[in-house]
Protein backbone atom coordinates (compact mmCIF):
# COMPACT_ATOMS: atom_id res chain seq x y z
CA MET A 1 91.13 34.09 85.45
CA ALA A 2 88.18 37.36 84.67
CA LEU A 3 89.85 37.25 81.13
CA ILE A 4 88.79 33.36 80.35
CA ILE A 5 85.47 33.81 82.83
CA LEU A 6 84.36 37.03 81.23
CA PRO A 7 84.28 36.21 77.62
CA ALA A 8 82.66 32.85 78.36
CA LEU A 9 79.93 34.42 80.34
CA PHE A 10 79.49 36.76 77.50
CA VAL A 11 78.83 34.19 74.89
CA ALA A 12 76.49 32.48 77.02
CA MET A 13 74.12 35.25 77.53
CA LEU A 14 74.27 35.83 73.98
CA LEU A 15 72.96 32.68 73.43
CA LEU A 16 70.19 33.76 75.73
CA ALA A 17 69.27 36.74 74.46
CA VAL A 18 69.07 35.04 71.22
CA ARG A 19 67.06 32.47 72.20
CA SER A 20 64.76 34.32 74.83
CA PRO A 21 65.45 38.10 75.01
CA GLN A 22 62.56 37.84 77.63
CA THR A 23 64.19 36.21 80.25
CA ALA A 24 67.73 37.91 79.23
CA LEU A 25 65.97 41.12 80.61
CA LEU A 26 64.53 39.25 83.75
CA ALA A 27 67.92 37.94 84.74
CA ALA A 28 69.34 41.03 84.30
CA LEU A 29 66.64 42.77 86.45
CA CYS A 30 67.53 39.83 89.30
CA LEU A 31 71.39 41.17 89.23
CA ALA A 32 70.78 44.99 88.85
CA SER A 33 70.52 45.15 92.75
CA TYR A 34 73.70 42.54 93.16
CA THR A 35 76.33 45.31 93.06
CA GLY A 36 78.89 43.20 94.29
CA VAL A 37 79.25 40.69 91.77
CA ASP A 38 81.78 42.74 90.06
CA VAL A 39 85.41 42.69 88.90
CA ASP A 40 87.90 45.30 87.71
CA VAL A 41 89.22 44.57 84.18
CA GLY A 42 90.84 48.40 83.90
CA LEU A 43 87.15 49.23 83.91
CA ARG A 44 84.59 47.69 86.40
CA VAL A 45 82.53 45.39 85.09
CA THR A 46 78.90 43.75 86.78
CA GLY A 47 76.97 40.78 86.68
CA TYR A 48 74.21 42.85 85.37
CA GLN A 49 76.54 44.91 82.86
CA LEU A 50 77.68 41.19 81.84
CA VAL A 51 73.86 40.16 81.14
CA MET A 52 72.50 43.18 80.07
CA ALA A 53 75.13 43.98 76.86
CA PRO A 54 74.42 40.93 74.95
CA LEU A 55 70.66 41.53 75.01
CA ILE A 56 71.24 45.16 73.84
CA ILE A 57 73.36 43.93 71.23
CA VAL A 58 70.74 41.05 70.14
CA MET A 59 67.90 43.90 70.22
CA ALA A 60 70.09 46.01 67.72
CA LEU A 61 70.63 44.41 65.73
CA ARG A 62 66.96 42.83 65.43
CA LEU A 63 66.21 46.18 65.16
CA ALA A 64 68.56 46.72 62.04
CA HIS A 65 67.05 43.74 60.06
CA PRO A 66 64.55 44.62 57.71
CA GLY A 67 62.14 42.17 58.41
CA PHE A 68 61.59 43.37 61.85
CA SER A 69 59.06 45.80 63.47
CA ALA A 70 58.96 47.07 66.55
CA ARG A 71 55.57 48.52 67.75
CA PRO A 72 55.91 52.53 68.53
CA LEU A 73 56.88 53.01 72.11
CA ALA A 74 55.66 56.13 74.46
CA THR A 75 58.94 57.21 75.58
CA GLY A 76 57.77 60.91 74.67
CA ALA A 77 59.55 63.36 73.37
CA LEU A 78 61.52 64.44 76.29
CA PHE A 79 63.22 61.26 76.82
CA LEU A 80 64.74 61.46 73.28
CA ALA A 81 65.81 65.50 74.26
CA PHE A 82 67.26 64.06 77.39
CA ALA A 83 69.23 61.63 75.83
CA LEU A 84 70.78 63.41 73.08
CA TYR A 85 71.55 66.84 75.14
CA ALA A 86 73.43 64.59 77.86
CA VAL A 87 75.79 62.96 75.03
CA ALA A 88 76.03 66.28 72.72
CA ASN A 89 76.80 68.05 76.18
CA SER A 90 79.44 65.76 77.25
CA ALA A 91 81.11 64.95 73.88
CA PHE A 92 81.56 68.92 73.63
CA GLN A 93 83.17 69.06 77.50
CA ILE A 94 86.32 66.35 76.53
CA ALA A 95 88.63 68.31 74.74
CA GLY A 96 88.44 71.10 77.63
CA LEU A 97 88.91 68.17 80.66
CA PRO A 98 91.47 68.88 83.45
CA ASP A 99 94.62 66.56 83.37
CA ALA A 100 94.41 64.16 86.69
CA ALA A 101 96.45 61.61 87.45
CA ILE A 102 93.66 58.57 88.56
CA ALA A 103 95.38 55.24 89.62
CA ASN A 104 94.91 51.80 88.50
CA SER A 105 94.02 52.13 84.75
CA ALA A 106 94.81 54.40 81.68
CA LEU A 107 90.96 53.73 81.05
CA ARG A 108 90.59 56.10 84.22
CA GLY A 109 92.36 58.89 82.60
CA PRO A 110 89.89 61.93 81.75
CA GLN A 111 89.33 61.93 78.14
CA ALA A 112 89.12 57.75 77.83
CA ARG A 113 87.24 57.83 80.61
CA ALA A 114 84.66 60.12 79.08
CA VAL A 115 83.73 58.20 76.20
CA ILE A 116 83.29 55.59 77.79
CA GLN A 117 80.97 57.28 80.26
CA ILE A 118 78.97 58.23 77.72
CA MET A 119 78.84 54.86 75.85
CA LEU A 120 77.80 53.43 79.85
CA PHE A 121 75.15 56.30 79.85
CA VAL A 122 73.42 55.17 76.99
CA PHE A 123 73.68 51.50 78.26
CA ALA A 124 71.87 52.81 82.00
CA LEU A 125 69.53 53.88 79.58
CA ALA A 126 68.35 50.64 78.02
CA PRO A 127 65.65 49.32 80.57
CA ILE A 128 63.63 52.38 79.52
CA ILE A 129 63.25 50.81 76.12
CA LEU A 130 63.52 47.46 76.16
CA VAL A 131 60.77 46.98 79.08
CA PRO A 132 58.60 48.18 76.71
CA MET A 133 60.00 46.37 74.05
CA LEU A 134 60.11 43.08 75.07
CA PHE A 135 57.04 43.13 77.33
CA THR A 136 53.72 43.94 76.04
CA ARG A 137 50.63 43.75 78.94
CA ALA A 138 50.08 45.15 82.13
CA GLU A 139 50.16 42.13 84.20
CA ASP A 140 53.91 42.24 82.52
CA VAL A 141 54.57 44.69 84.84
CA GLN A 142 54.00 42.79 88.15
CA ARG A 143 56.11 39.80 86.72
CA LEU A 144 58.80 42.14 86.97
CA GLY A 145 58.17 43.39 90.34
CA ARG A 146 57.48 40.07 91.74
CA VAL A 147 61.22 38.91 89.94
CA TRP A 148 62.89 41.57 91.18
CA LEU A 149 61.37 41.31 95.24
CA TRP A 150 62.72 37.59 94.85
CA SER A 151 65.94 38.17 93.36
CA ALA A 152 66.11 41.08 97.34
CA ALA A 153 64.92 38.24 99.19
CA VAL A 154 67.58 35.96 97.99
CA LEU A 155 70.00 38.59 98.39
CA ALA A 156 69.02 38.80 101.73
CA LEU A 157 69.32 35.24 102.40
CA ILE A 158 72.64 35.39 100.91
CA GLY A 159 73.43 38.58 103.84
CA TRP A 160 72.13 36.49 107.01
CA ALA A 161 74.41 33.24 105.89
CA GLN A 162 77.10 35.56 105.69
CA LEU A 163 76.40 37.24 109.67
CA VAL A 164 75.93 33.18 110.77
CA ILE A 165 79.37 32.47 109.45
CA TRP A 166 81.07 35.56 110.41
CA TYR A 167 79.69 35.56 114.03
CA GLY A 168 80.35 31.55 114.16
CA THR A 169 83.79 32.22 112.93
CA GLY A 170 85.19 35.03 113.15
CA THR A 171 85.71 35.13 109.22
CA ASN A 172 84.04 37.10 106.94
CA PRO A 173 83.19 35.03 103.55
CA LEU A 174 82.13 38.07 101.51
CA PRO A 175 84.05 40.89 102.50
CA ILE A 176 83.49 43.92 100.00
CA GLY A 177 85.09 43.54 96.64
CA ARG A 178 85.26 39.32 97.54
CA ILE A 179 84.48 38.08 94.00
CA ASN A 180 87.03 40.53 92.37
CA GLN A 181 89.55 39.01 94.59
CA LEU A 182 88.35 35.52 93.36
CA LEU A 183 88.13 36.60 89.56
CA GLY A 184 91.43 38.37 90.25
CA GLY A 185 90.36 41.70 89.43
CA ALA A 186 93.23 44.44 88.50
CA ALA A 187 92.40 46.07 91.53
CA ASP A 188 91.97 44.87 95.13
CA TYR A 189 89.53 46.91 97.28
CA SER A 190 88.65 43.97 99.41
CA ARG A 191 87.61 45.63 102.96
CA GLU A 192 85.08 44.81 105.10
CA GLY A 193 82.12 46.45 106.85
CA ARG A 194 82.09 46.12 110.90
CA PHE A 195 82.92 48.79 113.69
CA ASP A 196 83.42 48.45 117.29
CA PHE A 197 81.01 49.85 119.98
CA GLU A 198 81.84 49.76 123.67
CA GLY A 199 83.38 46.41 123.59
CA PHE A 200 81.24 44.77 121.22
CA GLY A 201 82.07 43.74 117.53
CA ILE A 202 79.31 44.87 115.06
CA TYR A 203 79.43 43.46 111.70
CA ARG A 204 77.49 44.69 109.11
CA MET A 205 75.72 42.82 106.24
CA ASN A 206 76.29 43.79 102.94
CA SER A 207 75.71 40.38 101.17
CA LEU A 208 76.20 40.33 97.13
CA ALA A 209 75.30 44.15 97.04
CA ASN A 210 78.79 45.07 97.50
CA GLU A 211 78.32 47.72 100.72
CA PRO A 212 76.49 47.54 103.23
CA ARG A 213 75.01 51.04 102.56
CA ASN A 214 73.87 50.01 99.01
CA MET A 215 72.75 46.81 100.55
CA GLY A 216 70.24 48.57 102.99
CA GLN A 217 68.99 50.75 100.28
CA VAL A 218 67.97 47.85 98.17
CA MET A 219 66.14 46.08 101.67
CA ALA A 220 64.38 49.38 102.28
CA LEU A 221 63.36 49.66 98.68
CA ALA A 222 61.69 46.25 98.86
CA MET A 223 60.04 47.31 101.82
CA ILE A 224 58.55 50.10 100.21
CA VAL A 225 57.06 48.16 97.11
CA LEU A 226 55.94 45.66 99.91
CA GLN A 227 53.92 48.68 101.65
CA ALA A 228 52.39 49.83 97.91
CA GLN A 229 50.87 46.63 97.41
CA MET A 230 49.41 46.78 100.68
CA LEU A 231 47.81 49.56 100.13
CA THR A 232 46.49 49.51 97.03
CA VAL A 233 45.59 45.89 96.31
CA ARG A 234 42.46 44.65 97.59
CA HIS A 235 42.62 41.08 97.69
CA VAL A 236 46.64 40.24 99.44
CA ARG A 237 47.78 37.52 101.58
CA GLY A 238 48.64 40.44 104.39
CA GLY A 239 50.22 37.71 106.77
CA ARG A 240 52.37 36.76 104.32
CA LEU A 241 53.63 39.95 103.09
CA ILE A 242 54.18 41.39 106.80
CA LEU A 243 56.11 38.62 107.31
CA LEU A 244 58.43 39.54 104.54
CA TRP A 245 58.17 43.21 104.85
CA LEU A 246 59.52 42.04 108.43
CA PHE A 247 62.14 40.18 106.96
CA PHE A 248 63.71 43.10 104.95
CA ALA A 249 63.24 45.41 107.98
CA VAL A 250 65.44 43.05 109.93
CA SER A 251 67.51 42.41 107.08
CA LEU A 252 67.81 46.37 106.74
CA LEU A 253 68.71 46.69 110.74
CA ALA A 254 71.56 43.99 110.03
CA THR A 255 73.29 46.61 107.69
CA TYR A 256 73.45 49.63 109.99
CA SER A 257 72.91 51.93 107.27
CA THR A 258 71.84 55.17 108.18
CA ALA A 259 71.37 55.72 104.52
CA GLY A 260 68.90 52.69 103.75
CA LEU A 261 67.17 54.34 107.01
CA ALA A 262 66.71 57.41 105.15
CA VAL A 263 65.63 55.60 102.17
CA TRP A 264 63.19 53.92 103.71
CA ILE A 265 61.64 56.88 104.88
CA ILE A 266 61.56 58.90 102.07
CA GLY A 267 59.93 56.69 100.24
CA THR A 268 57.67 56.23 102.99
CA ALA A 269 56.79 59.51 103.59
CA THR A 270 56.41 59.79 100.09
CA LEU A 271 53.79 57.25 99.35
CA LEU A 272 50.66 57.90 100.57
CA PRO A 273 50.69 61.92 98.98
CA ALA A 274 51.57 60.13 95.45
CA LEU A 275 48.63 58.10 96.05
CA LEU A 276 46.25 60.83 96.86
CA LEU A 277 47.57 62.94 94.02
CA LEU A 278 47.16 59.74 91.37
CA ARG A 279 43.81 59.20 92.77
CA VAL A 280 44.55 55.42 93.19
CA PRO A 281 42.09 54.51 96.02
CA VAL A 282 43.65 53.48 99.30
CA GLN A 283 42.36 49.47 99.63
CA ARG A 284 42.53 49.26 103.64
CA SER A 285 40.61 51.01 106.25
CA ALA A 286 42.18 53.15 108.69
CA GLY A 287 41.66 50.34 110.90
CA GLN A 288 43.49 47.87 109.43
CA ILE A 289 46.31 49.69 108.72
CA MET A 290 46.41 50.69 112.60
CA ALA A 291 46.44 46.77 113.21
CA ALA A 292 49.55 46.44 110.43
CA LEU A 293 51.45 48.48 112.40
CA ALA A 294 50.59 47.20 115.40
CA ALA A 295 51.66 43.74 113.92
CA LEU A 296 54.52 45.29 112.34
CA ALA A 297 55.54 47.09 115.44
CA THR A 298 55.40 43.84 118.51
CA PRO A 299 58.17 41.59 116.87
CA VAL A 300 60.02 45.22 116.65
CA LEU A 301 59.62 46.03 120.92
CA LEU A 302 60.13 42.32 121.69
CA GLY A 303 63.12 42.25 119.99
CA LEU A 304 64.72 45.71 121.40
CA ALA A 305 63.15 44.53 124.80
CA LEU A 306 65.10 41.76 124.81
CA ALA A 307 68.28 43.32 123.49
CA LEU A 308 68.26 45.80 126.13
CA SER A 309 67.84 43.11 128.85
CA ALA A 310 71.47 41.29 127.64
CA GLY A 311 72.49 44.57 128.23
CA ILE A 312 72.98 45.95 124.68
CA PRO A 313 72.89 49.75 124.31
CA VAL A 314 70.66 49.73 121.43
CA PHE A 315 69.55 53.41 122.17
CA ASP A 316 73.57 54.37 122.38
CA LEU A 317 74.03 52.51 119.13
CA ILE A 318 71.39 54.08 117.39
CA ALA A 319 72.58 57.86 118.26
CA GLU A 320 76.00 56.65 117.36
CA ARG A 321 74.49 55.86 113.66
CA THR A 322 72.55 58.88 113.36
CA ILE A 323 72.90 61.59 115.41
CA ALA A 324 76.81 61.31 115.93
CA ARG A 325 77.36 61.40 112.13
CA LEU A 326 74.78 64.20 111.33
CA GLU A 327 76.49 66.49 113.87
CA GLY A 328 79.81 65.22 112.10
CA THR A 329 78.79 66.85 108.36
CA GLY A 330 75.11 67.79 108.47
CA GLY A 331 73.90 64.86 106.71
CA VAL A 332 76.38 65.40 103.46
CA GLU A 333 78.26 62.56 102.12
CA ASP A 334 81.73 62.72 101.70
CA PHE A 335 82.09 63.19 97.69
CA ASP A 336 79.09 65.25 98.09
CA LEU A 337 80.50 67.90 100.07
CA ALA A 338 83.69 68.53 97.83
CA ILE A 339 81.40 68.61 94.41
CA SER A 340 78.57 71.30 96.38
CA ALA A 341 82.06 73.07 97.06
CA TRP A 342 83.02 72.82 93.76
CA LEU A 343 79.57 74.23 92.03
CA ALA A 344 79.44 77.17 94.70
CA ALA A 345 82.89 78.16 93.36
CA ASN A 346 82.20 77.79 90.25
CA PRO A 347 78.05 79.40 89.69
CA ASP A 348 78.60 78.98 85.63
CA ARG A 349 78.83 75.26 85.78
CA LEU A 350 75.56 74.98 87.47
CA TRP A 351 73.76 75.23 84.07
CA LEU A 352 75.62 72.57 81.87
CA GLY A 353 77.53 70.38 84.51
CA GLY A 354 80.72 69.33 84.09
CA GLY A 355 79.93 66.11 81.62
CA LEU A 356 78.87 62.93 82.49
CA GLY A 357 81.44 61.20 84.88
CA ASN A 358 83.59 64.14 85.31
CA ALA A 359 82.64 65.92 88.46
CA HIS A 360 85.54 63.88 90.15
CA LEU A 361 88.20 65.91 87.87
CA PHE A 362 86.98 69.55 89.13
CA ALA A 363 85.78 68.69 92.54
CA THR A 364 89.15 66.73 93.85
CA PRO A 365 90.93 69.88 94.78
CA TYR A 366 87.87 70.32 97.08
CA LEU A 367 87.81 67.72 99.22
CA ASP A 368 88.38 67.56 102.91
CA PRO A 369 91.47 66.41 104.05
CA GLU A 370 90.12 63.71 105.94
CA PHE A 371 88.79 62.24 103.32
CA ALA A 372 91.21 63.35 100.29
CA ALA A 373 93.14 60.40 102.07
CA TYR A 374 91.35 57.86 100.18
CA ALA A 375 89.70 59.50 97.35
CA GLU A 376 92.25 61.58 95.86
CA GLY A 377 93.12 59.84 92.46
CA GLN A 378 90.54 57.79 92.42
CA VAL A 379 86.91 58.31 90.51
CA PHE A 380 84.32 59.44 92.50
CA SER A 381 80.74 61.13 91.68
CA ALA A 382 77.75 62.51 94.23
CA LYS A 383 76.02 59.57 96.22
CA THR A 384 72.45 62.05 95.87
CA MET A 385 71.24 61.46 92.06
CA VAL A 386 69.98 65.49 92.21
CA LEU A 387 73.46 66.55 92.82
CA ARG A 388 74.92 64.32 90.31
CA LEU A 389 72.64 65.20 87.58
CA VAL A 390 73.10 68.80 88.31
CA SER A 391 77.00 68.55 88.57
CA GLU A 392 77.42 66.27 85.33
CA LEU A 393 74.39 67.75 83.25
CA GLY A 394 73.85 71.17 84.80
CA LEU A 395 70.26 72.39 85.51
CA VAL A 396 69.22 72.20 81.87
CA GLY A 397 70.02 68.28 82.12
CA THR A 398 68.05 67.72 85.56
CA ALA A 399 65.14 69.80 84.31
CA LEU A 400 65.14 67.57 81.14
CA PHE A 401 65.22 64.24 83.13
CA ALA A 402 62.45 65.52 85.48
CA GLY A 403 60.08 66.15 83.15
CA PHE A 404 60.74 63.12 80.88
CA ALA A 405 59.95 61.10 84.49
CA LEU A 406 57.35 62.43 85.48
CA SER A 407 55.42 62.58 82.32
CA ARG A 408 55.64 58.90 82.10
CA VAL A 409 54.27 58.48 85.76
CA PHE A 410 51.18 60.24 84.72
CA ALA A 411 50.76 59.27 81.55
CA ALA A 412 50.99 55.54 82.77
CA ARG A 413 48.29 56.85 85.13
CA GLY A 414 45.93 57.45 81.72
CA PRO A 415 44.94 54.14 80.87
CA ARG A 416 41.94 53.80 83.70
CA HIS A 417 41.22 49.99 82.26
CA LEU A 418 45.04 49.39 83.72
CA TRP A 419 44.35 49.88 87.10
CA PRO A 420 42.85 47.20 88.49
CA MET A 421 46.16 45.44 87.28
CA VAL A 422 48.55 47.38 88.37
CA PRO A 423 47.14 49.59 90.94
CA PRO A 424 50.93 50.01 93.04
CA ALA A 425 52.90 50.62 89.68
CA THR A 426 52.40 54.72 89.52
CA PRO A 427 52.47 56.01 93.09
CA LEU A 428 55.34 53.28 93.57
CA ALA A 429 57.18 55.01 90.57
CA LEU A 430 56.60 58.84 92.30
CA ALA A 431 58.32 57.39 95.35
CA MET A 432 60.99 55.79 93.50
CA LEU A 433 61.83 59.00 92.32
CA ALA A 434 61.72 60.82 95.30
CA VAL A 435 64.25 58.12 96.82
CA LEU A 436 66.42 58.25 93.60
CA ALA A 437 66.42 62.22 94.47
CA ALA A 438 68.20 61.46 97.42
CA THR A 439 70.41 58.41 96.27
CA SER A 440 72.24 57.06 92.61
CA GLN A 441 72.40 53.47 94.03
CA ILE A 442 68.68 52.69 93.08
CA ASN A 443 69.57 54.27 89.48
CA THR A 444 68.96 50.54 87.56
CA GLU A 445 66.19 49.59 89.48
CA ALA A 446 64.68 53.07 88.61
CA THR A 447 65.70 52.55 84.82
CA PHE A 448 63.53 49.26 85.12
CA MET A 449 60.36 51.13 86.92
CA LEU A 450 60.50 54.02 84.04
CA GLY A 451 60.44 51.37 81.27
CA ALA A 452 57.61 49.86 82.91
CA MET A 453 55.63 53.31 82.84
CA VAL A 454 56.64 53.70 79.18
CA LEU A 455 54.96 50.01 78.80
CA LEU A 456 51.91 51.03 80.50
CA ALA A 457 51.43 54.72 78.92
CA GLY A 458 51.51 52.67 75.37
CA LEU A 459 48.69 50.44 76.52
CA GLN A 460 45.34 51.19 75.26
CA PRO A 461 41.99 49.79 76.17
CA ALA A 462 40.43 46.90 73.36
CA ARG A 463 38.25 48.80 71.02
CA THR A 464 34.41 46.53 70.66
CA PRO A 465 33.37 47.05 67.29
CA VAL A 466 30.52 48.80 67.38
CA PRO A 467 27.63 47.02 65.19
CA ALA A 468 26.39 49.29 62.40
CA ARG A 469 22.87 51.25 62.83
CA ALA A 470 19.69 49.71 61.22
CA GLN A 471 19.47 51.76 58.04
CA PRO A 472 15.78 52.56 57.52
CA ALA A 473 13.56 50.40 55.02
């Protein structure tokens, strides 16, 4: 079925990209966090990729047309250096990749997959180019933010519908891999996010974000976006934003995701220093901030009291999902442990890494026996973005990316005439980069944010013609 539906959808998205490239890019942004909308056809294809690929083709053809002139983009020299280094470094390492038996598809073999990963890397950078190419005003950054927030809200609504049906019928309508299963994907990886705790069956919301941890991180990121807006925008409907923030917060709790909680803590802790560093004025007094915190804490405390009165061991559950897990692995993820062990045993790899998407080929022998039962023979990568960059592109590639990203944020801070239009944009970008360092799950959302920074960095104030000075008679 996938071989029929995917080409039809590709053609439809191609027509949309030709007719309205901006709408196609916004559609791709809406699907950026819907990582569970995917199908395995030998390689994993997501809904986001299905929308973005035709748009890239259309824009590439337009750029190649002699009559088309694109305005210069303020990507900076480090962006080109990073992209060229990543491609060249990975291409040079293809011939020396170790042989490995990878399950499910020949396309996941070492050499074939390495070539595909280079193409996907260029694909992944597309929003950094397309956002400033298709949008030209500072107000468009606000538009992008609103579109993404609405898509996150819809994702949460779908998640709550999932839980209502699941608890009501005992059947999960959206197990992980459901879309792939419906489309007849090559690999069946359907599973459920649930666990039992002291006689309670706990169901974890995953919606269409693939895994509960992915869902939790999307909800946490939405909370951080709202926090940035509440702190920096003078005239804002605080009550509505607080209700929306609470909706995302409760949705985060429904995922039982410690990774989502970590994302929120990192982003929140980074936001205020980012405001100070970028000299973005906080538009809320200390009293207003305390009142907002009280408004946010009241329903949380009431819910906690109701749960405890109903006999639900909330604190024991929190300890099980946090302290017990930290004691087990120190907070380091399964794949990250193996990749870290590989780098520790081969320090020469720290400089250039193993090439794009190749870490699993080297790290598989270092898998803990507990994790090897399900990870051996599979493709995997680091879950923290810093470790992923170091393992694939080395310290050189990591430094180039960090230099590019930070330079665009500070360049976007330059045009002072834009500050009133997009006050939360640059501090939010710094907070997102801090979150990105800790998780690779939001890399697509982060590339859209970097595209917005490139857009803002390239905008210049309108010049008012200066009247000629009158000449003396």
